[in-house]
Amino acid sequence: MFTEIGLGSSRPIFEQVVDQIKFAIASEAVRADEMIPSVRDLSKQLAINPNTVARAYRQLQDEGIVALRRGMGLAVVEGAGEKCRIQRKEFFQHKFQEFLDEAARSRLNRKELDEILLSGRPKTDQHES
């Protein structure tokens, strides 16, 4: 369920865990009232320190995304899906703005930007002989 942790990323691992859980909730891979993996299970799955997962879970609790169910663990709260969809959209809007800013600094023209956005990677010009 949560597998996209970039150990080489400048973003702290606990924030990546938070994002992955929010993205899973936003996409309805995890729904309201469903339990999320225990700290131990998720730390094993991702091969990261349990304290890192616990820190991510505390943040999710503080944000009202998950809540403790006595004797069971953490469950996604009602309304978390919409909150996570809004946050996911804001996350990608920010990333897209960073992309546009970097493209402007790199002096990419509109055609180059269109190629990148439409294909996901730059196209090389091919000349016929």
C-alpha atoms as a PDB file:
ATOM      1  CA  MET A   1       0.000   0.000   0.000  1.00  0.00           C
ATOM      2  CA  PHE A   2       2.736   2.524   0.934  1.00  0.00           C
ATOM      3  CA  THR A   3       5.939   1.931  -0.988  1.00  0.00           C
ATOM      4  CA  GLU A   4       7.206   5.211  -2.417  1.00  0.00           C
ATOM      5  CA  ILE A   5       9.833   6.308   0.078  1.00  0.00           C
ATOM      6  CA  GLY A   6      12.860   7.992  -1.478  1.00  0.00           C
ATOM      7  CA  LEU A   7      15.804   7.549   0.834  1.00  0.00           C
ATOM      8  CA  GLY A   8      17.839   9.951  -1.321  1.00  0.00           C
ATOM      9  CA  SER A   9      15.152  12.632  -1.211  1.00  0.00           C
ATOM     10  CA  SER A  10      15.769  15.912   0.575  1.00  0.00           C
ATOM     11  CA  ARG A  11      12.288  15.531   2.094  1.00  0.00           C
ATOM     12  CA  PRO A  12      12.361  13.872   5.528  1.00  0.00           C
ATOM     13  CA  ILE A  13      11.244  10.239   5.527  1.00  0.00           C
ATOM     14  CA  PHE A  14       8.449  10.822   8.049  1.00  0.00           C
ATOM     15  CA  GLU A  15       6.967  13.497   5.738  1.00  0.00           C
ATOM     16  CA  GLN A  16       7.134  11.064   2.824  1.00  0.00           C
ATOM     17  CA  VAL A  17       5.241   8.518   4.933  1.00  0.00           C
ATOM     18  CA  VAL A  18       2.615  11.135   5.785  1.00  0.00           C
ATOM     19  CA  ASP A  19       2.258  12.026   2.102  1.00  0.00           C
ATOM     20  CA  GLN A  20       1.922   8.395   1.029  1.00  0.00           C
ATOM     21  CA  ILE A  21      -0.806   7.736   3.564  1.00  0.00           C
ATOM     22  CA  LYS A  22      -2.641  10.909   2.575  1.00  0.00           C
ATOM     23  CA  PHE A  23      -2.355   9.993  -1.108  1.00  0.00           C
ATOM     24  CA  ALA A  24      -3.715   6.508  -0.354  1.00  0.00           C
ATOM     25  CA  ILE A  25      -6.651   8.042   1.491  1.00  0.00           C
ATOM     26  CA  ALA A  26      -7.207  10.629  -1.254  1.00  0.00           C
ATOM     27  CA  SER A  27      -7.310   7.909  -3.913  1.00  0.00           C
ATOM     28  CA  GLU A  28      -9.641   5.816  -1.735  1.00  0.00           C
ATOM     29  CA  ALA A  29      -7.140   2.956  -1.493  1.00  0.00           C
ATOM     30  CA  VAL A  30      -7.819   3.425   2.224  1.00  0.00           C
ATOM     31  CA  ARG A  31     -11.265   4.635   3.270  1.00  0.00           C
ATOM     32  CA  ALA A  32     -12.887   6.092   6.358  1.00  0.00           C
ATOM     33  CA  ASP A  33     -13.025   3.669   9.297  1.00  0.00           C
ATOM     34  CA  GLU A  34     -10.306   1.438   7.812  1.00  0.00           C
ATOM     35  CA  MET A  35      -7.272   0.654   9.921  1.00  0.00           C
ATOM     36  CA  ILE A  36      -3.815   1.693   8.752  1.00  0.00           C
ATOM     37  CA  PRO A  37      -0.856  -0.660   9.302  1.00  0.00           C
ATOM     38  CA  SER A  38       0.696  -0.765  12.748  1.00  0.00           C
ATOM     39  CA  VAL A  39       3.935   1.110  13.330  1.00  0.00           C
ATOM     40  CA  ARG A  40       5.790  -2.186  13.408  1.00  0.00           C
ATOM     41  CA  ASP A  41       4.207  -3.521  10.218  1.00  0.00           C
ATOM     42  CA  LEU A  42       4.762  -0.348   8.217  1.00  0.00           C
ATOM     43  CA  SER A  43       8.326   0.092   9.431  1.00  0.00           C
ATOM     44  CA  LYS A  44       9.101  -3.476   8.310  1.00  0.00           C
ATOM     45  CA  GLN A  45       7.332  -2.992   4.980  1.00  0.00           C
ATOM     46  CA  LEU A  46       9.283   0.188   4.230  1.00  0.00           C
ATOM     47  CA  ALA A  47      12.508  -0.896   5.959  1.00  0.00           C
ATOM     48  CA  ILE A  48      12.615   2.271   8.046  1.00  0.00           C
ATOM     49  CA  ASN A  49      12.923   3.001  11.746  1.00  0.00           C
ATOM     50  CA  PRO A  50       9.698   2.480  13.738  1.00  0.00           C
ATOM     51  CA  ASN A  51      10.227   5.877  15.404  1.00  0.00           C
ATOM     52  CA  THR A  52       9.974   7.467  11.949  1.00  0.00           C
ATOM     53  CA  VAL A  53       6.616   5.796  11.341  1.00  0.00           C
ATOM     54  CA  ALA A  54       5.428   6.747  14.831  1.00  0.00           C
ATOM     55  CA  ARG A  55       6.333  10.386  14.138  1.00  0.00           C
ATOM     56  CA  ALA A  56       4.366  10.287  10.863  1.00  0.00           C
ATOM     57  CA  TYR A  57       1.383   8.748  12.641  1.00  0.00           C
ATOM     58  CA  ARG A  58       1.471  11.445  15.322  1.00  0.00           C
ATOM     59  CA  GLN A  59       1.359  14.104  12.621  1.00  0.00           C
ATOM     60  CA  LEU A  60      -1.596  12.377  10.943  1.00  0.00           C
ATOM     61  CA  GLN A  61      -3.391  12.265  14.289  1.00  0.00           C
ATOM     62  CA  ASP A  62      -2.615  15.934  14.947  1.00  0.00           C
ATOM     63  CA  GLU A  63      -4.070  16.820  11.533  1.00  0.00           C
ATOM     64  CA  GLY A  64      -7.232  14.837  12.217  1.00  0.00           C
ATOM     65  CA  ILE A  65      -6.634  12.315   9.436  1.00  0.00           C
ATOM     66  CA  VAL A  66      -6.480   9.243  11.670  1.00  0.00           C
ATOM     67  CA  ALA A  67      -7.657   8.527  15.199  1.00  0.00           C
ATOM     68  CA  LEU A  68      -6.758   5.922  17.780  1.00  0.00           C
ATOM     69  CA  ARG A  69      -9.221   3.122  18.338  1.00  0.00           C
ATOM     70  CA  ARG A  70      -8.607   1.632  21.732  1.00  0.00           C
ATOM     71  CA  GLY A  71      -7.149  -1.842  21.446  1.00  0.00           C
ATOM     72  CA  MET A  72      -7.192  -1.799  17.651  1.00  0.00           C
ATOM     73  CA  GLY A  73      -4.807   0.857  16.345  1.00  0.00           C
ATOM     74  CA  LEU A  74      -5.256   3.841  14.078  1.00  0.00           C
ATOM     75  CA  ALA A  75      -8.216   4.244  11.748  1.00  0.00           C
ATOM     76  CA  VAL A  76      -8.970   6.789   9.037  1.00  0.00           C
ATOM     77  CA  VAL A  77     -11.540   9.295  10.285  1.00  0.00           C
ATOM     78  CA  GLU A  78     -14.730  10.279   8.492  1.00  0.00           C
ATOM     79  CA  GLY A  79     -14.084  13.210   6.144  1.00  0.00           C
ATOM     80  CA  ALA A  80     -10.361  12.486   5.834  1.00  0.00           C
ATOM     81  CA  GLY A  81     -10.736  11.585   2.153  1.00  0.00           C
ATOM     82  CA  GLU A  82     -11.849  15.063   1.118  1.00  0.00           C
ATOM     83  CA  LYS A  83      -9.236  16.718   3.328  1.00  0.00           C
ATOM     84  CA  CYS A  84      -6.512  14.520   1.792  1.00  0.00           C
ATOM     85  CA  ARG A  85      -7.723  15.188  -1.773  1.00  0.00           C
ATOM     86  CA  ILE A  86      -7.446  18.934  -1.142  1.00  0.00           C
ATOM     87  CA  GLN A  87      -3.969  18.540   0.367  1.00  0.00           C
ATOM     88  CA  ARG A  88      -2.847  16.256  -2.492  1.00  0.00           C
ATOM     89  CA  LYS A  89      -3.987  18.868  -5.031  1.00  0.00           C
ATOM     90  CA  GLU A  90      -2.106  21.607  -3.151  1.00  0.00           C
ATOM     91  CA  PHE A  91       1.000  19.394  -2.996  1.00  0.00           C
ATOM     92  CA  PHE A  92       1.024  18.908  -6.768  1.00  0.00           C
ATOM     93  CA  GLN A  93       0.176  22.549  -7.471  1.00  0.00           C
ATOM     94  CA  HIS A  94       3.273  23.468  -5.475  1.00  0.00           C
ATOM     95  CA  LYS A  95       5.401  20.895  -7.341  1.00  0.00           C
ATOM     96  CA  PHE A  96       4.070  22.134 -10.677  1.00  0.00           C
ATOM     97  CA  GLN A  97       4.884  25.738  -9.776  1.00  0.00           C
ATOM     98  CA  GLU A  98       8.427  24.642  -8.870  1.00  0.00           C
ATOM     99  CA  PHE A  99       8.646  22.956 -12.279  1.00  0.00           C
ATOM    100  CA  LEU A 100       7.458  26.110 -14.078  1.00  0.00           C
ATOM    101  CA  ASP A 101       9.871  28.290 -12.119  1.00  0.00           C
ATOM    102  CA  GLU A 102      12.790  26.015 -12.974  1.00  0.00           C
ATOM    103  CA  ALA A 103      11.700  25.855 -16.617  1.00  0.00           C
ATOM    104  CA  ALA A 104      11.649  29.654 -16.749  1.00  0.00           C
ATOM    105  CA  ARG A 105      15.122  29.845 -15.187  1.00  0.00           C
ATOM    106  CA  SER A 106      16.300  27.290 -17.756  1.00  0.00           C
ATOM    107  CA  ARG A 107      14.735  29.321 -20.569  1.00  0.00           C
ATOM    108  CA  LEU A 108      12.678  26.475 -21.965  1.00  0.00           C
ATOM    109  CA  ASN A 109      10.366  27.645 -24.712  1.00  0.00           C
ATOM    110  CA  ARG A 110       6.669  26.803 -25.002  1.00  0.00           C
ATOM    111  CA  LYS A 111       7.283  23.986 -27.507  1.00  0.00           C
ATOM    112  CA  GLU A 112       9.800  22.318 -25.182  1.00  0.00           C
ATOM    113  CA  LEU A 113       7.416  22.631 -22.237  1.00  0.00           C
ATOM    114  CA  ASP A 114       4.559  21.163 -24.270  1.00  0.00           C
ATOM    115  CA  GLU A 115       6.750  18.209 -25.270  1.00  0.00           C
ATOM    116  CA  ILE A 116       7.712  17.557 -21.670  1.00  0.00           C
ATOM    117  CA  LEU A 117       4.152  17.851 -20.391  1.00  0.00           C
ATOM    118  CA  LEU A 118       2.636  15.732 -23.142  1.00  0.00           C
ATOM    119  CA  SER A 119       5.208  12.974 -23.242  1.00  0.00           C
ATOM    120  CA  GLY A 120       6.679  13.002 -19.764  1.00  0.00           C
ATOM    121  CA  ARG A 121      10.159  13.308 -21.234  1.00  0.00           C
ATOM    122  CA  PRO A 122      11.871  15.585 -23.778  1.00  0.00           C
ATOM    123  CA  LYS A 123      11.823  14.534 -27.416  1.00  0.00           C
ATOM    124  CA  THR A 124      14.943  14.716 -29.494  1.00  0.00           C
ATOM    125  CA  ASP A 125      14.860  16.161 -32.973  1.00  0.00           C
ATOM    126  CA  GLN A 126      15.335  13.502 -35.598  1.00  0.00           C
ATOM    127  CA  HIS A 127      16.575  14.591 -38.988  1.00  0.00           C
ATOM    128  CA  GLU A 128      15.953  12.507 -42.058  1.00  0.00           C
ATOM    129  CA  SER A 129      19.037  11.755 -44.136  1.00  0.00           C
END
